[in-house]
């Protein structure tokens, strides 16, 4: 289930709740001065370059392009 952040507008206290969206709507409708705080999602970040994760067929293709067209700036390392 998703985790939502709620805020009491009077005290400005914030807390997290683990519930379905339908349950969240019931809580927001029944509790006065409580609002849902929109938070950005946690993103998975990349480590290393995209080129280091490419397969060998694509790297071979880059080598062929570099060989066929001298003077280009393709990095096939």
PDB file of N, CA and C in Angstrom:
ATOM      1  N   UNK A   1       0.840  -1.177   0.000  1.00  0.00           N
ATOM      2  CA  UNK A   1       0.000   0.000   0.000  1.00  0.00           C
ATOM      3  C   UNK A   1       0.888   1.245   0.000  1.00  0.00           C
ATOM      4  N   UNK A   2       0.388   2.303  -0.564  1.00  0.00           N
ATOM      5  CA  UNK A   2       1.178   3.532  -0.607  1.00  0.00           C
ATOM      6  C   UNK A   2       1.249   4.223   0.751  1.00  0.00           C
ATOM      7  N   UNK A   3       2.277   5.035   0.897  1.00  0.00           N
ATOM      8  CA  UNK A   3       2.464   5.826   2.112  1.00  0.00           C
ATOM      9  C   UNK A   3       2.125   7.269   1.782  1.00  0.00           C
ATOM     10  N   UNK A   4       1.242   7.875   2.583  1.00  0.00           N
ATOM     11  CA  UNK A   4       0.841   9.262   2.387  1.00  0.00           C
ATOM     12  C   UNK A   4       1.307  10.095   3.568  1.00  0.00           C
ATOM     13  N   UNK A   5       1.611  11.356   3.322  1.00  0.00           N
ATOM     14  CA  UNK A   5       1.970  12.289   4.381  1.00  0.00           C
ATOM     15  C   UNK A   5       0.774  13.190   4.642  1.00  0.00           C
ATOM     16  N   UNK A   6       0.377  13.274   5.914  1.00  0.00           N
ATOM     17  CA  UNK A   6      -0.739  14.109   6.319  1.00  0.00           C
ATOM     18  C   UNK A   6      -0.223  15.234   7.211  1.00  0.00           C
ATOM     19  N   UNK A   7      -0.955  16.352   7.221  1.00  0.00           N
ATOM     20  CA  UNK A   7      -0.563  17.501   8.042  1.00  0.00           C
ATOM     21  C   UNK A   7      -1.782  18.044   8.766  1.00  0.00           C
ATOM     22  N   UNK A   8      -1.598  18.320  10.056  1.00  0.00           N
ATOM     23  CA  UNK A   8      -2.609  19.029  10.833  1.00  0.00           C
ATOM     24  C   UNK A   8      -2.365  20.512  10.598  1.00  0.00           C
ATOM     25  N   UNK A   9      -3.323  21.192   9.994  1.00  0.00           N
ATOM     26  CA  UNK A   9      -3.140  22.591   9.599  1.00  0.00           C
ATOM     27  C   UNK A   9      -3.055  23.541  10.794  1.00  0.00           C
ATOM     28  N   UNK A  10      -3.593  23.150  11.941  1.00  0.00           N
ATOM     29  CA  UNK A  10      -3.519  24.011  13.129  1.00  0.00           C
ATOM     30  C   UNK A  10      -2.143  23.942  13.777  1.00  0.00           C
ATOM     31  N   UNK A  11      -1.654  22.724  13.992  1.00  0.00           N
ATOM     32  CA  UNK A  11      -0.379  22.552  14.693  1.00  0.00           C
ATOM     33  C   UNK A  11       0.814  22.426  13.743  1.00  0.00           C
ATOM     34  N   UNK A  12       0.545  22.221  12.459  1.00  0.00           N
ATOM     35  CA  UNK A  12       1.565  22.016  11.428  1.00  0.00           C
ATOM     36  C   UNK A  12       2.364  20.730  11.631  1.00  0.00           C
ATOM     37  N   UNK A  13       1.842  19.811  12.443  1.00  0.00           N
ATOM     38  CA  UNK A  13       2.475  18.507  12.621  1.00  0.00           C
ATOM     39  C   UNK A  13       2.226  17.663  11.375  1.00  0.00           C
ATOM     40  N   UNK A  14       3.237  16.899  10.979  1.00  0.00           N
ATOM     41  CA  UNK A  14       3.118  16.003   9.828  1.00  0.00           C
ATOM     42  C   UNK A  14       3.406  14.583  10.260  1.00  0.00           C
ATOM     43  N   UNK A  15       2.717  13.616   9.642  1.00  0.00           N
ATOM     44  CA  UNK A  15       2.945  12.210   9.909  1.00  0.00           C
ATOM     45  C   UNK A  15       2.609  11.411   8.666  1.00  0.00           C
ATOM     46  N   UNK A  16       3.152  10.204   8.621  1.00  0.00           N
ATOM     47  CA  UNK A  16       2.925   9.331   7.473  1.00  0.00           C
ATOM     48  C   UNK A  16       1.930   8.237   7.850  1.00  0.00           C
ATOM     49  N   UNK A  17       1.100   7.898   6.886  1.00  0.00           N
ATOM     50  CA  UNK A  17       0.135   6.804   7.060  1.00  0.00           C
ATOM     51  C   UNK A  17       0.268   5.848   5.886  1.00  0.00           C
ATOM     52  N   UNK A  18       0.049   4.575   6.169  1.00  0.00           N
ATOM     53  CA  UNK A  18       0.135   3.533   5.154  1.00  0.00           C
ATOM     54  C   UNK A  18      -1.274   2.997   4.945  1.00  0.00           C
ATOM     55  N   UNK A  19      -1.909   3.409   3.840  1.00  0.00           N
ATOM     56  CA  UNK A  19      -3.297   3.021   3.585  1.00  0.00           C
ATOM     57  C   UNK A  19      -3.618   3.156   2.110  1.00  0.00           C
ATOM     58  N   UNK A  20      -4.753   2.595   1.730  1.00  0.00           N
ATOM     59  CA  UNK A  20      -5.195   2.710   0.341  1.00  0.00           C
ATOM     60  C   UNK A  20      -5.707   4.128   0.081  1.00  0.00           C
ATOM     61  N   UNK A  21      -5.865   4.458  -1.177  1.00  0.00           N
ATOM     62  CA  UNK A  21      -6.353   5.793  -1.544  1.00  0.00           C
ATOM     63  C   UNK A  21      -7.786   6.008  -1.041  1.00  0.00           C
ATOM     64  N   UNK A  22      -8.614   4.978  -1.117  1.00  0.00           N
ATOM     65  CA  UNK A  22      -9.994   5.092  -0.628  1.00  0.00           C
ATOM     66  C   UNK A  22     -10.027   5.355   0.876  1.00  0.00           C
ATOM     67  N   UNK A  23      -9.163   4.664   1.614  1.00  0.00           N
ATOM     68  CA  UNK A  23      -9.081   4.908   3.052  1.00  0.00           C
ATOM     69  C   UNK A  23      -8.594   6.322   3.346  1.00  0.00           C
ATOM     70  N   UNK A  24      -7.661   6.801   2.551  1.00  0.00           N
ATOM     71  CA  UNK A  24      -7.159   8.171   2.713  1.00  0.00           C
ATOM     72  C   UNK A  24      -8.285   9.184   2.536  1.00  0.00           C
ATOM     73  N   UNK A  25      -9.135   8.977   1.548  1.00  0.00           N
ATOM     74  CA  UNK A  25     -10.238   9.899   1.315  1.00  0.00           C
ATOM     75  C   UNK A  25     -11.200   9.924   2.502  1.00  0.00           C
ATOM     76  N   UNK A  26     -11.433   8.775   3.101  1.00  0.00           N
ATOM     77  CA  UNK A  26     -12.307   8.708   4.280  1.00  0.00           C
ATOM     78  C   UNK A  26     -11.681   9.486   5.440  1.00  0.00           C
ATOM     79  N   UNK A  27     -10.379   9.305   5.648  1.00  0.00           N
ATOM     80  CA  UNK A  27      -9.690  10.017   6.728  1.00  0.00           C
ATOM     81  C   UNK A  27      -9.749  11.519   6.493  1.00  0.00           C
ATOM     82  N   UNK A  28      -9.499  11.954   5.274  1.00  0.00           N
ATOM     83  CA  UNK A  28      -9.516  13.385   4.971  1.00  0.00           C
ATOM     84  C   UNK A  28     -10.906  13.981   5.126  1.00  0.00           C
ATOM     85  N   UNK A  29     -11.932  13.189   4.832  1.00  0.00           N
ATOM     86  CA  UNK A  29     -13.309  13.674   4.971  1.00  0.00           C
ATOM     87  C   UNK A  29     -13.745  13.748   6.433  1.00  0.00           C
ATOM     88  N   UNK A  30     -13.245  12.847   7.263  1.00  0.00           N
ATOM     89  CA  UNK A  30     -13.711  12.789   8.653  1.00  0.00           C
ATOM     90  C   UNK A  30     -12.889  13.642   9.610  1.00  0.00           C
ATOM     91  N   UNK A  31     -11.630  13.860   9.330  1.00  0.00           N
ATOM     92  CA  UNK A  31     -10.775  14.627  10.246  1.00  0.00           C
ATOM     93  C   UNK A  31     -10.691  16.082   9.791  1.00  0.00           C
ATOM     94  N   UNK A  32     -11.080  16.991  10.666  1.00  0.00           N
ATOM     95  CA  UNK A  32     -11.005  18.408  10.340  1.00  0.00           C
ATOM     96  C   UNK A  32      -9.552  18.874  10.426  1.00  0.00           C
ATOM     97  N   UNK A  33      -9.225  19.868   9.635  1.00  0.00           N
ATOM     98  CA  UNK A  33      -7.912  20.513   9.638  1.00  0.00           C
ATOM     99  C   UNK A  33      -6.766  19.584   9.261  1.00  0.00           C
ATOM    100  N   UNK A  34      -7.065  18.458   8.621  1.00  0.00           N
ATOM    101  CA  UNK A  34      -6.020  17.544   8.165  1.00  0.00           C
ATOM    102  C   UNK A  34      -6.012  17.566   6.647  1.00  0.00           C
ATOM    103  N   UNK A  35      -4.823  17.722   6.084  1.00  0.00           N
ATOM    104  CA  UNK A  35      -4.701  17.748   4.624  1.00  0.00           C
ATOM    105  C   UNK A  35      -3.594  16.804   4.176  1.00  0.00           C
ATOM    106  N   UNK A  36      -3.667  16.434   2.944  1.00  0.00           N
ATOM    107  CA  UNK A  36      -2.679  15.558   2.321  1.00  0.00           C
ATOM    108  C   UNK A  36      -1.539  16.428   1.804  1.00  0.00           C
ATOM    109  N   UNK A  37      -0.308  16.085   2.157  1.00  0.00           N
ATOM    110  CA  UNK A  37       0.872  16.820   1.708  1.00  0.00           C
ATOM    111  C   UNK A  37       1.445  16.088   0.499  1.00  0.00           C
ATOM    112  N   UNK A  38       1.542  16.786  -0.616  1.00  0.00           N
ATOM    113  CA  UNK A  38       2.106  16.162  -1.811  1.00  0.00           C
ATOM    114  C   UNK A  38       3.620  16.134  -1.696  1.00  0.00           C
ATOM    115  N   UNK A  39       4.180  14.966  -1.884  1.00  0.00           N
ATOM    116  CA  UNK A  39       5.618  14.755  -1.782  1.00  0.00           C
ATOM    117  C   UNK A  39       6.122  14.184  -3.095  1.00  0.00           C
ATOM    118  N   UNK A  40       7.332  14.548  -3.521  1.00  0.00           N
ATOM    119  CA  UNK A  40       7.878  13.941  -4.738  1.00  0.00           C
ATOM    120  C   UNK A  40       8.190  12.468  -4.504  1.00  0.00           C
ATOM    121  N   UNK A  41       8.090  11.700  -5.544  1.00  0.00           N
ATOM    122  CA  UNK A  41       8.404  10.277  -5.465  1.00  0.00           C
ATOM    123  C   UNK A  41       9.898  10.069  -5.323  1.00  0.00           C
ATOM    124  N   UNK A  42      10.265   8.959  -4.733  1.00  0.00           N
ATOM    125  CA  UNK A  42      11.675   8.587  -4.672  1.00  0.00           C
ATOM    126  C   UNK A  42      12.042   7.958  -6.006  1.00  0.00           C
ATOM    127  N   UNK A  43      13.116   8.454  -6.592  1.00  0.00           N
ATOM    128  CA  UNK A  43      13.533   7.965  -7.897  1.00  0.00           C
ATOM    129  C   UNK A  43      14.765   7.089  -7.753  1.00  0.00           C
ATOM    130  N   UNK A  44      14.863   6.112  -8.613  1.00  0.00           N
ATOM    131  CA  UNK A  44      16.059   5.284  -8.667  1.00  0.00           C
ATOM    132  C   UNK A  44      17.059   6.005  -9.552  1.00  0.00           C
ATOM    133  N   UNK A  45      18.240   6.211  -9.036  1.00  0.00           N
ATOM    134  CA  UNK A  45      19.250   6.926  -9.804  1.00  0.00           C
ATOM    135  C   UNK A  45      20.187   5.951 -10.489  1.00  0.00           C
ATOM    136  N   UNK A  46      20.841   6.419 -11.522  1.00  0.00           N
ATOM    137  CA  UNK A  46      21.777   5.594 -12.261  1.00  0.00           C
ATOM    138  C   UNK A  46      23.183   5.810 -11.732  1.00  0.00           C
ATOM    139  N   UNK A  47      23.960   4.753 -11.758  1.00  0.00           N
ATOM    140  CA  UNK A  47      25.370   4.846 -11.406  1.00  0.00           C
ATOM    141  C   UNK A  47      26.167   4.401 -12.610  1.00  0.00           C
ATOM    142  N   UNK A  48      27.156   5.175 -12.981  1.00  0.00           N
ATOM    143  CA  UNK A  48      27.953   4.853 -14.146  1.00  0.00           C
ATOM    144  C   UNK A  48      27.323   5.411 -15.408  1.00  0.00           C
ATOM    145  N   UNK A  49      28.048   5.319 -16.489  1.00  0.00           N
ATOM    146  CA  UNK A  49      27.550   5.853 -17.743  1.00  0.00           C
ATOM    147  C   UNK A  49      26.662   4.833 -18.459  1.00  0.00           C
ATOM    148  N   UNK A  50      25.838   5.310 -19.343  1.00  0.00           N
ATOM    149  CA  UNK A  50      24.985   4.422 -20.128  1.00  0.00           C
ATOM    150  C   UNK A  50      25.843   3.560 -21.056  1.00  0.00           C
ATOM    151  N   UNK A  51      26.926   4.149 -21.557  1.00  0.00           N
ATOM    152  CA  UNK A  51      27.805   3.421 -22.476  1.00  0.00           C
ATOM    153  C   UNK A  51      28.405   2.188 -21.800  1.00  0.00           C
ATOM    154  N   UNK A  52      28.687   2.266 -20.505  1.00  0.00           N
ATOM    155  CA  UNK A  52      29.284   1.116 -19.814  1.00  0.00           C
ATOM    156  C   UNK A  52      28.289  -0.032 -19.659  1.00  0.00           C
ATOM    157  N   UNK A  53      26.997   0.231 -19.809  1.00  0.00           N
ATOM    158  CA  UNK A  53      25.989  -0.820 -19.660  1.00  0.00           C
ATOM    159  C   UNK A  53      25.458  -1.333 -20.996  1.00  0.00           C
ATOM    160  N   UNK A  54      26.029  -0.887 -22.097  1.00  0.00           N
ATOM    161  CA  UNK A  54      25.553  -1.356 -23.402  1.00  0.00           C
ATOM    162  C   UNK A  54      26.125  -2.733 -23.710  1.00  0.00           C
ATOM    163  N   UNK A  55      25.422  -3.483 -24.524  1.00  0.00           N
ATOM    164  CA  UNK A  55      25.881  -4.825 -24.843  1.00  0.00           C
ATOM    165  C   UNK A  55      26.999  -4.797 -25.890  1.00  0.00           C
ATOM    166  N   UNK A  56      27.634  -5.929 -26.093  1.00  0.00           N
ATOM    167  CA  UNK A  56      28.796  -6.001 -26.982  1.00  0.00           C
ATOM    168  C   UNK A  56      28.416  -5.811 -28.447  1.00  0.00           C
ATOM    169  N   UNK A  57      27.219  -6.204 -28.854  1.00  0.00           N
ATOM    170  CA  UNK A  57      26.806  -6.010 -30.245  1.00  0.00           C
ATOM    171  C   UNK A  57      26.754  -4.529 -30.596  1.00  0.00           C
ATOM    172  N   UNK A  58      26.230  -3.721 -29.691  1.00  0.00           N
ATOM    173  CA  UNK A  58      26.146  -2.291 -29.950  1.00  0.00           C
ATOM    174  C   UNK A  58      27.540  -1.685 -29.980  1.00  0.00           C
ATOM    175  N   UNK A  59      28.410  -2.111 -29.087  1.00  0.00           N
ATOM    176  CA  UNK A  59      29.791  -1.601 -29.091  1.00  0.00           C
ATOM    177  C   UNK A  59      30.503  -1.982 -30.386  1.00  0.00           C
ATOM    178  N   UNK A  60      30.257  -3.194 -30.865  1.00  0.00           N
ATOM    179  CA  UNK A  60      30.858  -3.613 -32.143  1.00  0.00           C
ATOM    180  C   UNK A  60      30.347  -2.750 -33.285  1.00  0.00           C
ATOM    181  N   UNK A  61      29.076  -2.403 -33.243  1.00  0.00           N
ATOM    182  CA  UNK A  61      28.486  -1.540 -34.266  1.00  0.00           C
ATOM    183  C   UNK A  61      29.152  -0.151 -34.234  1.00  0.00           C
ATOM    184  N   UNK A  62      29.385   0.375 -33.034  1.00  0.00           N
ATOM    185  CA  UNK A  62      30.069   1.668 -32.920  1.00  0.00           C
ATOM    186  C   UNK A  62      31.492   1.598 -33.476  1.00  0.00           C
ATOM    187  N   UNK A  63      32.191   0.502 -33.226  1.00  0.00           N
ATOM    188  CA  UNK A  63      33.547   0.333 -33.765  1.00  0.00           C
ATOM    189  C   UNK A  63      33.527   0.320 -35.292  1.00  0.00           C
ATOM    190  N   UNK A  64      32.515  -0.357 -35.882  1.00  0.00           N
ATOM    191  CA  UNK A  64      32.412  -0.415 -37.340  1.00  0.00           C
ATOM    192  C   UNK A  64      32.138   0.973 -37.917  1.00  0.00           C
ATOM    193  N   UNK A  65      31.287   1.745 -37.256  1.00  0.00           N
ATOM    194  CA  UNK A  65      31.010   3.112 -37.720  1.00  0.00           C
ATOM    195  C   UNK A  65      32.271   3.957 -37.640  1.00  0.00           C
ATOM    196  N   UNK A  66      33.002   3.853 -36.542  1.00  0.00           N
ATOM    197  CA  UNK A  66      34.221   4.642 -36.362  1.00  0.00           C
ATOM    198  C   UNK A  66      35.257   4.291 -37.431  1.00  0.00           C
ATOM    199  N   UNK A  67      35.352   3.013 -37.761  1.00  0.00           N
ATOM    200  CA  UNK A  67      36.319   2.575 -38.764  1.00  0.00           C
ATOM    201  C   UNK A  67      35.912   3.043 -40.159  1.00  0.00           C
ATOM    202  N   UNK A  68      34.611   3.019 -40.458  1.00  0.00           N
ATOM    203  CA  UNK A  68      34.127   3.374 -41.787  1.00  0.00           C
ATOM    204  C   UNK A  68      34.190   4.877 -42.035  1.00  0.00           C
ATOM    205  N   UNK A  69      33.985   5.685 -41.002  1.00  0.00           N
ATOM    206  CA  UNK A  69      33.977   7.138 -41.147  1.00  0.00           C
ATOM    207  C   UNK A  69      35.081   7.757 -40.300  1.00  0.00           C
ATOM    208  N   UNK A  70      36.295   7.846 -40.853  1.00  0.00           N
ATOM    209  CA  UNK A  70      37.405   8.405 -40.078  1.00  0.00           C
ATOM    210  C   UNK A  70      37.146   9.900 -39.761  1.00  0.00           C
ATOM    211  N   UNK A  71      37.652  10.319 -38.611  1.00  0.00           N
ATOM    212  CA  UNK A  71      37.501  11.713 -38.206  1.00  0.00           C
ATOM    213  C   UNK A  71      36.253  11.961 -37.382  1.00  0.00           C
ATOM    214  N   UNK A  72      35.436  10.925 -37.140  1.00  0.00           N
ATOM    215  CA  UNK A  72      34.234  11.139 -36.315  1.00  0.00           C
ATOM    216  C   UNK A  72      34.618  11.161 -34.848  1.00  0.00           C
ATOM    217  N   UNK A  73      33.686  11.514 -34.016  1.00  0.00           N
ATOM    218  CA  UNK A  73      33.957  11.655 -32.581  1.00  0.00           C
ATOM    219  C   UNK A  73      33.290  10.577 -31.748  1.00  0.00           C
ATOM    220  N   UNK A  74      33.005   9.429 -32.337  1.00  0.00           N
ATOM    221  CA  UNK A  74      32.365   8.338 -31.595  1.00  0.00           C
ATOM    222  C   UNK A  74      33.364   7.758 -30.616  1.00  0.00           C
ATOM    223  N   UNK A  75      32.949   7.629 -29.378  1.00  0.00           N
ATOM    224  CA  UNK A  75      33.783   7.018 -28.349  1.00  0.00           C
ATOM    225  C   UNK A  75      33.334   5.587 -28.172  1.00  0.00           C
ATOM    226  N   UNK A  76      34.124   4.647 -28.623  1.00  0.00           N
ATOM    227  CA  UNK A  76      33.753   3.237 -28.556  1.00  0.00           C
ATOM    228  C   UNK A  76      34.578   2.489 -27.522  1.00  0.00           C
ATOM    229  N   UNK A  77      35.077   3.182 -26.520  1.00  0.00           N
ATOM    230  CA  UNK A  77      35.907   2.527 -25.508  1.00  0.00           C
ATOM    231  C   UNK A  77      35.093   1.790 -24.491  1.00  0.00           C
TER     232      UNK A  77
END
